[in-house]
């Protein structure tokens, strides 16, 4: 089966395999540890590769093409312990954490995923 970009991203977020990407803001946003993501996801050798291109620039272009907007995480702490720990660990390593929001990409409402269309 071939999945489109938002479906692949969703599956990554729901998987326990990836430390570089997680749900944030109670499942309303995607958080990405930029440096770890480059290594863990884009730097994968051989199958199974997740995305066709291996550059962060191309990945972020896809994020924007599918209607995600970058947001600044405020000082409010995440609702869940898992989110809090992931963000604490990432920030303690002085890594850049990117946050993206799309109203049709919400953990509590998976049926909205079909509205995530390429612009």
Protein backbone atom coordinates (compact mmCIF):
# COMPACT_ATOMS: atom_id res chain seq x y z
CA UNK A 1 0.00 0.00 0.00
CA UNK A 2 1.13 3.47 -0.82
CA UNK A 3 0.31 6.22 1.65
CA UNK A 4 0.28 9.93 1.00
CA UNK A 5 2.42 12.32 3.02
CA UNK A 6 -0.08 13.05 5.84
CA UNK A 7 -0.85 9.34 6.24
CA UNK A 8 2.85 8.51 6.53
CA UNK A 9 3.36 11.26 9.09
CA UNK A 10 0.33 10.03 11.08
CA UNK A 11 1.65 6.46 11.11
CA UNK A 12 5.03 7.71 12.36
CA UNK A 13 3.38 9.64 15.18
CA UNK A 14 1.36 6.61 16.21
CA UNK A 15 4.38 4.30 16.07
CA UNK A 16 6.73 3.58 18.96
CA UNK A 17 9.66 3.36 16.52
CA UNK A 18 10.43 7.07 16.28
CA UNK A 19 11.87 9.33 18.97
CA UNK A 20 12.24 12.34 16.67
CA UNK A 21 8.57 13.07 16.08
CA UNK A 22 5.60 13.09 18.47
CA UNK A 23 2.14 14.52 19.09
CA UNK A 24 2.17 17.79 21.00
CA UNK A 25 -0.49 20.10 22.45
CA UNK A 26 -2.74 17.17 23.32
CA UNK A 27 -2.61 15.69 19.83
CA UNK A 28 -3.29 18.92 17.96
CA UNK A 29 0.28 19.56 16.76
CA UNK A 30 3.25 17.67 15.42
CA UNK A 31 6.57 18.19 17.20
CA UNK A 32 9.80 17.36 15.36
CA UNK A 33 13.28 17.19 16.84
CA UNK A 34 15.01 18.49 13.71
CA UNK A 35 18.49 16.98 14.13
CA UNK A 36 17.25 13.60 15.37
CA UNK A 37 14.64 13.49 12.58
CA UNK A 38 17.36 14.00 9.95
CA UNK A 39 19.29 11.07 11.36
CA UNK A 40 16.47 8.74 12.37
CA UNK A 41 14.02 9.20 9.47
CA UNK A 42 15.68 10.94 6.54
CA UNK A 43 19.04 9.24 7.03
CA UNK A 44 17.65 5.70 6.91
CA UNK A 45 19.57 3.44 4.59
CA UNK A 46 17.77 0.92 2.46
CA UNK A 47 14.19 -0.22 2.98
CA UNK A 48 12.03 0.69 4.63
CA UNK A 49 12.51 4.31 3.65
CA UNK A 50 9.59 6.46 4.71
CA UNK A 51 9.95 9.45 2.41
CA UNK A 52 11.32 9.44 -1.13
CA UNK A 53 13.62 12.41 -0.57
CA UNK A 54 16.24 12.55 2.17
CA UNK A 55 16.54 16.30 2.71
CA UNK A 56 14.98 18.24 5.56
CA UNK A 57 14.25 21.08 3.13
CA UNK A 58 12.13 18.78 0.95
CA UNK A 59 10.34 17.33 3.98
CA UNK A 60 9.44 20.81 5.25
CA UNK A 61 8.21 21.78 1.78
CA UNK A 62 5.86 18.79 1.91
CA UNK A 63 4.66 19.85 5.36
CA UNK A 64 3.74 23.28 3.99
CA UNK A 65 2.24 21.89 0.75
CA UNK A 66 -0.20 19.86 2.86
CA UNK A 67 -1.40 22.90 4.76
CA UNK A 68 0.63 22.70 7.97
CA UNK A 69 1.79 25.95 9.47
CA UNK A 70 4.74 26.34 11.79
CA UNK A 71 3.80 27.58 15.21
CA UNK A 72 5.83 28.75 18.15
CA UNK A 73 5.40 26.59 21.22
CA UNK A 74 4.52 28.80 24.13
CA UNK A 75 5.80 28.24 27.63
CA UNK A 76 2.69 26.23 28.50
CA UNK A 77 3.59 22.65 29.30
CA UNK A 78 2.14 19.74 27.40
CA UNK A 79 -0.88 17.98 28.78
CA UNK A 80 0.50 14.45 28.90
CA UNK A 81 3.51 13.12 30.73
CA UNK A 82 4.84 11.48 27.55
CA UNK A 83 4.71 14.79 25.64
CA UNK A 84 6.28 16.65 28.55
CA UNK A 85 9.14 14.14 28.85
CA UNK A 86 9.79 14.11 25.09
CA UNK A 87 9.94 17.91 24.99
CA UNK A 88 12.11 18.12 28.10
CA UNK A 89 14.58 15.57 26.75
CA UNK A 90 14.73 17.24 23.35
CA UNK A 91 15.18 20.73 24.76
CA UNK A 92 17.82 19.59 27.23
CA UNK A 93 19.91 18.42 24.29
CA UNK A 94 19.67 21.94 22.81
CA UNK A 95 18.02 20.55 19.72
CA UNK A 96 15.69 22.61 17.61
CA UNK A 97 12.11 21.48 18.03
CA UNK A 98 9.73 22.43 15.23
CA UNK A 99 5.97 22.54 15.82
CA UNK A 100 3.41 22.27 13.03
CA UNK A 101 -0.34 22.64 13.09
CA UNK A 102 -3.03 21.66 10.61
CA UNK A 103 -6.71 21.80 11.65
CA UNK A 104 -7.34 18.55 9.75
CA UNK A 105 -4.47 16.72 11.47
CA UNK A 106 -5.70 15.96 14.98
CA UNK A 107 -5.04 12.79 16.98
CA UNK A 108 -8.54 12.87 18.49
CA UNK A 109 -10.20 13.15 15.06
CA UNK A 110 -8.53 10.72 12.63
CA UNK A 111 -11.47 11.02 10.21
CA UNK A 112 -10.29 14.56 9.40
CA UNK A 113 -7.08 13.18 7.89
CA UNK A 114 -8.83 12.74 4.52
CA UNK A 115 -9.13 16.56 4.37
CA UNK A 116 -5.33 16.95 4.36
CA UNK A 117 -4.86 17.58 0.66
CA UNK A 118 -1.86 18.84 -1.23
CA UNK A 119 -2.23 22.50 -2.24
